[in-house]
């Protein structure tokens, strides 16, 4: 497992970037505008990590992901944090092992690519399949979401 990023929701992308980029000095290394989902993702890194991030397509150093939803949403403090993200070698095996340990898979890896779990303190953790998504497989493809993530 390898740490990838921490996601933070932001209310105003311009103001957030003034804080993280202008004030803290983080560098924007990638931006994704998703018209269908109506959100923008901006990935930032520390200046010392910029070359490493660029050489490895954004997976070589820890990143901060700012998520800006174009339609205003109201978040309770417990959901404003966002999530931690880890890359795993086999998302199905990882989720199976976690379930054996009594951990609920809140968002199963139906797509062979992404799952969400929550810590005992209710912090969301995203698990992402390393490389290409795995082929769809049961019981994951028909497993419903459980709770929040």
C-alpha atoms as a PDB file:
ATOM      1  CA  UNK A   1       0.000   0.000   0.000  1.00  0.00           C
ATOM      2  CA  UNK A   2       1.262   3.470  -0.877  1.00  0.00           C
ATOM      3  CA  UNK A   3      -0.048   6.820   0.364  1.00  0.00           C
ATOM      4  CA  UNK A   4      -1.339   8.982  -2.503  1.00  0.00           C
ATOM      5  CA  UNK A   5      -3.235  12.071  -1.329  1.00  0.00           C
ATOM      6  CA  UNK A   6      -5.463  13.818   1.168  1.00  0.00           C
ATOM      7  CA  UNK A   7      -8.686  15.273  -0.244  1.00  0.00           C
ATOM      8  CA  UNK A   8     -10.096  18.487   1.170  1.00  0.00           C
ATOM      9  CA  UNK A   9     -13.393  20.025   0.074  1.00  0.00           C
ATOM     10  CA  UNK A  10     -13.263  23.750  -0.579  1.00  0.00           C
ATOM     11  CA  UNK A  11     -16.142  26.223  -0.782  1.00  0.00           C
ATOM     12  CA  UNK A  12     -14.410  28.711  -3.098  1.00  0.00           C
ATOM     13  CA  UNK A  13     -11.620  27.423  -5.335  1.00  0.00           C
ATOM     14  CA  UNK A  14     -10.100  30.846  -6.014  1.00  0.00           C
ATOM     15  CA  UNK A  15      -9.838  31.694  -2.310  1.00  0.00           C
ATOM     16  CA  UNK A  16      -8.537  28.204  -1.499  1.00  0.00           C
ATOM     17  CA  UNK A  17      -5.810  28.494  -4.151  1.00  0.00           C
ATOM     18  CA  UNK A  18      -4.761  31.895  -2.802  1.00  0.00           C
ATOM     19  CA  UNK A  19      -4.247  30.187   0.564  1.00  0.00           C
ATOM     20  CA  UNK A  20      -2.587  26.937  -0.541  1.00  0.00           C
ATOM     21  CA  UNK A  21      -0.589  28.288  -3.510  1.00  0.00           C
ATOM     22  CA  UNK A  22       0.031  31.972  -2.823  1.00  0.00           C
ATOM     23  CA  UNK A  23       0.364  31.850   0.970  1.00  0.00           C
ATOM     24  CA  UNK A  24       1.687  28.324   1.648  1.00  0.00           C
ATOM     25  CA  UNK A  25       3.669  28.024  -1.573  1.00  0.00           C
ATOM     26  CA  UNK A  26       2.260  24.693  -2.761  1.00  0.00           C
ATOM     27  CA  UNK A  27       2.447  24.029  -6.504  1.00  0.00           C
ATOM     28  CA  UNK A  28      -0.486  23.042  -8.730  1.00  0.00           C
ATOM     29  CA  UNK A  29       0.511  19.891 -10.622  1.00  0.00           C
ATOM     30  CA  UNK A  30      -2.790  18.697 -12.080  1.00  0.00           C
ATOM     31  CA  UNK A  31      -6.346  19.927 -12.570  1.00  0.00           C
ATOM     32  CA  UNK A  32      -9.439  17.974 -13.579  1.00  0.00           C
ATOM     33  CA  UNK A  33     -12.712  19.687 -14.527  1.00  0.00           C
ATOM     34  CA  UNK A  34     -15.558  17.170 -14.590  1.00  0.00           C
ATOM     35  CA  UNK A  35     -18.560  18.650 -16.416  1.00  0.00           C
ATOM     36  CA  UNK A  36     -20.740  15.579 -15.828  1.00  0.00           C
ATOM     37  CA  UNK A  37     -20.057  15.454 -12.089  1.00  0.00           C
ATOM     38  CA  UNK A  38     -19.934  19.251 -11.800  1.00  0.00           C
ATOM     39  CA  UNK A  39     -16.695  19.417  -9.842  1.00  0.00           C
ATOM     40  CA  UNK A  40     -13.062  20.469 -10.168  1.00  0.00           C
ATOM     41  CA  UNK A  41     -10.108  18.647  -8.630  1.00  0.00           C
ATOM     42  CA  UNK A  42      -6.838  20.504  -8.125  1.00  0.00           C
ATOM     43  CA  UNK A  43      -3.795  18.510  -7.016  1.00  0.00           C
ATOM     44  CA  UNK A  44      -1.033  20.324  -5.147  1.00  0.00           C
ATOM     45  CA  UNK A  45       2.408  19.326  -3.926  1.00  0.00           C
ATOM     46  CA  UNK A  46       5.220  20.852  -1.932  1.00  0.00           C
ATOM     47  CA  UNK A  47       7.703  22.757  -4.129  1.00  0.00           C
ATOM     48  CA  UNK A  48      10.457  20.236  -3.328  1.00  0.00           C
ATOM     49  CA  UNK A  49       8.267  17.405  -4.676  1.00  0.00           C
ATOM     50  CA  UNK A  50       7.224  19.043  -7.964  1.00  0.00           C
ATOM     51  CA  UNK A  51       9.792  17.291 -10.207  1.00  0.00           C
ATOM     52  CA  UNK A  52       9.092  13.925  -8.598  1.00  0.00           C
ATOM     53  CA  UNK A  53       5.338  14.350  -9.113  1.00  0.00           C
ATOM     54  CA  UNK A  54       5.724  15.381 -12.756  1.00  0.00           C
ATOM     55  CA  UNK A  55       8.095  12.486 -13.540  1.00  0.00           C
ATOM     56  CA  UNK A  56       5.695   9.938 -12.067  1.00  0.00           C
ATOM     57  CA  UNK A  57       2.355  11.249 -13.398  1.00  0.00           C
ATOM     58  CA  UNK A  58       1.345  12.550  -9.982  1.00  0.00           C
ATOM     59  CA  UNK A  59       1.924   9.317  -8.067  1.00  0.00           C
ATOM     60  CA  UNK A  60       5.446   9.873  -6.840  1.00  0.00           C
ATOM     61  CA  UNK A  61       4.872  12.166  -3.889  1.00  0.00           C
ATOM     62  CA  UNK A  62       2.069  12.892  -1.442  1.00  0.00           C
ATOM     63  CA  UNK A  63      -0.483  15.352  -2.804  1.00  0.00           C
ATOM     64  CA  UNK A  64      -3.264  17.531  -1.485  1.00  0.00           C
ATOM     65  CA  UNK A  65      -6.422  17.233  -3.591  1.00  0.00           C
ATOM     66  CA  UNK A  66      -8.730  20.242  -3.404  1.00  0.00           C
ATOM     67  CA  UNK A  67     -12.260  19.275  -4.434  1.00  0.00           C
ATOM     68  CA  UNK A  68     -14.548  22.080  -5.500  1.00  0.00           C
ATOM     69  CA  UNK A  69     -18.179  21.149  -6.197  1.00  0.00           C
ATOM     70  CA  UNK A  70     -19.738  23.615  -8.632  1.00  0.00           C
ATOM     71  CA  UNK A  71     -23.145  23.281  -6.988  1.00  0.00           C
ATOM     72  CA  UNK A  72     -22.919  24.616  -3.451  1.00  0.00           C
ATOM     73  CA  UNK A  73     -23.218  21.917  -0.819  1.00  0.00           C
ATOM     74  CA  UNK A  74     -23.504  22.100   2.936  1.00  0.00           C
ATOM     75  CA  UNK A  75     -21.076  19.850   4.771  1.00  0.00           C
ATOM     76  CA  UNK A  76     -21.067  19.076   8.437  1.00  0.00           C
ATOM     77  CA  UNK A  77     -17.610  19.380   9.935  1.00  0.00           C
ATOM     78  CA  UNK A  78     -17.223  15.596   9.883  1.00  0.00           C
ATOM     79  CA  UNK A  79     -17.564  15.507   6.057  1.00  0.00           C
ATOM     80  CA  UNK A  80     -15.601  18.624   5.167  1.00  0.00           C
ATOM     81  CA  UNK A  81     -12.270  16.862   5.735  1.00  0.00           C
ATOM     82  CA  UNK A  82     -12.607  14.611   2.700  1.00  0.00           C
ATOM     83  CA  UNK A  83     -10.427  11.494   2.703  1.00  0.00           C
ATOM     84  CA  UNK A  84      -7.005   9.884   2.694  1.00  0.00           C
ATOM     85  CA  UNK A  85      -6.127   7.839  -0.396  1.00  0.00           C
ATOM     86  CA  UNK A  86      -3.932   4.749  -0.701  1.00  0.00           C
ATOM     87  CA  UNK A  87      -2.944   2.765  -3.761  1.00  0.00           C
ATOM     88  CA  UNK A  88      -3.150  -1.031  -3.346  1.00  0.00           C
ATOM     89  CA  UNK A  89      -1.822  -3.918  -5.447  1.00  0.00           C
ATOM     90  CA  UNK A  90      -5.124  -5.852  -5.438  1.00  0.00           C
ATOM     91  CA  UNK A  91      -8.235  -3.959  -4.411  1.00  0.00           C
ATOM     92  CA  UNK A  92     -10.359  -7.112  -4.143  1.00  0.00           C
ATOM     93  CA  UNK A  93      -7.873  -8.914  -1.899  1.00  0.00           C
ATOM     94  CA  UNK A  94      -7.431  -5.794   0.225  1.00  0.00           C
ATOM     95  CA  UNK A  95     -11.186  -5.359   0.704  1.00  0.00           C
ATOM     96  CA  UNK A  96     -11.609  -9.066   1.468  1.00  0.00           C
ATOM     97  CA  UNK A  97      -8.884  -8.875   4.140  1.00  0.00           C
ATOM     98  CA  UNK A  98     -10.462  -5.758   5.657  1.00  0.00           C
ATOM     99  CA  UNK A  99     -13.889  -7.402   5.762  1.00  0.00           C
ATOM    100  CA  UNK A 100     -12.389 -10.426   7.578  1.00  0.00           C
ATOM    101  CA  UNK A 101     -11.100  -7.938  10.150  1.00  0.00           C
ATOM    102  CA  UNK A 102     -14.653  -6.627  10.659  1.00  0.00           C
ATOM    103  CA  UNK A 103     -14.229  -3.418   8.651  1.00  0.00           C
ATOM    104  CA  UNK A 104     -17.250  -2.312   6.629  1.00  0.00           C
ATOM    105  CA  UNK A 105     -16.625  -1.567   2.973  1.00  0.00           C
ATOM    106  CA  UNK A 106     -18.770   1.564   2.614  1.00  0.00           C
ATOM    107  CA  UNK A 107     -18.285   1.860  -1.150  1.00  0.00           C
ATOM    108  CA  UNK A 108     -17.376  -1.543  -2.601  1.00  0.00           C
ATOM    109  CA  UNK A 109     -14.919  -1.775  -5.529  1.00  0.00           C
ATOM    110  CA  UNK A 110     -17.657  -2.558  -8.063  1.00  0.00           C
ATOM    111  CA  UNK A 111     -15.531  -1.042 -10.831  1.00  0.00           C
ATOM    112  CA  UNK A 112     -12.368  -2.928  -9.844  1.00  0.00           C
ATOM    113  CA  UNK A 113     -10.742   0.423  -9.228  1.00  0.00           C
ATOM    114  CA  UNK A 114     -12.009   2.264  -6.154  1.00  0.00           C
ATOM    115  CA  UNK A 115     -13.411   1.520  -2.700  1.00  0.00           C
ATOM    116  CA  UNK A 116     -14.053   3.528   0.453  1.00  0.00           C
ATOM    117  CA  UNK A 117     -13.884   2.518   4.090  1.00  0.00           C
ATOM    118  CA  UNK A 118     -14.038   4.526   7.329  1.00  0.00           C
ATOM    119  CA  UNK A 119     -11.743   4.501  10.318  1.00  0.00           C
ATOM    120  CA  UNK A 120     -13.140   3.945  13.825  1.00  0.00           C
ATOM    121  CA  UNK A 121     -13.074   7.756  14.152  1.00  0.00           C
ATOM    122  CA  UNK A 122     -15.128   8.068  10.936  1.00  0.00           C
ATOM    123  CA  UNK A 123     -12.314   9.337   8.694  1.00  0.00           C
ATOM    124  CA  UNK A 124     -12.900   8.296   5.086  1.00  0.00           C
ATOM    125  CA  UNK A 125     -10.184   6.286   3.369  1.00  0.00           C
ATOM    126  CA  UNK A 126     -10.146   5.737  -0.385  1.00  0.00           C
ATOM    127  CA  UNK A 127      -8.471   2.628  -1.772  1.00  0.00           C
ATOM    128  CA  UNK A 128      -7.382   2.798  -5.418  1.00  0.00           C
ATOM    129  CA  UNK A 129      -6.263  -0.126  -7.556  1.00  0.00           C
ATOM    130  CA  UNK A 130      -2.674   0.203  -8.718  1.00  0.00           C
ATOM    131  CA  UNK A 131      -2.486   0.363 -12.513  1.00  0.00           C
ATOM    132  CA  UNK A 132      -5.535  -0.556 -14.549  1.00  0.00           C
ATOM    133  CA  UNK A 133      -8.842  -1.509 -12.904  1.00  0.00           C
ATOM    134  CA  UNK A 134      -9.359  -5.203 -12.221  1.00  0.00           C
ATOM    135  CA  UNK A 135     -12.143  -6.957 -14.154  1.00  0.00           C
ATOM    136  CA  UNK A 136     -15.558  -6.712 -12.477  1.00  0.00           C
ATOM    137  CA  UNK A 137     -16.109  -9.578 -10.056  1.00  0.00           C
ATOM    138  CA  UNK A 138     -18.601 -10.809  -7.491  1.00  0.00           C
ATOM    139  CA  UNK A 139     -19.422 -10.290  -4.728  1.00  0.00           C
ATOM    140  CA  UNK A 140     -18.249  -6.736  -5.375  1.00  0.00           C
ATOM    141  CA  UNK A 141     -20.312  -5.873  -8.475  1.00  0.00           C
ATOM    142  CA  UNK A 142     -23.633  -6.477  -6.703  1.00  0.00           C
ATOM    143  CA  UNK A 143     -22.626  -5.271  -3.213  1.00  0.00           C
ATOM    144  CA  UNK A 144     -24.535  -2.145  -2.160  1.00  0.00           C
ATOM    145  CA  UNK A 145     -23.067   0.925  -0.555  1.00  0.00           C
ATOM    146  CA  UNK A 146     -23.196   0.966   3.236  1.00  0.00           C
ATOM    147  CA  UNK A 147     -23.302   4.132   5.332  1.00  0.00           C
ATOM    148  CA  UNK A 148     -21.215   7.156   4.368  1.00  0.00           C
ATOM    149  CA  UNK A 149     -17.671   7.605   3.158  1.00  0.00           C
END
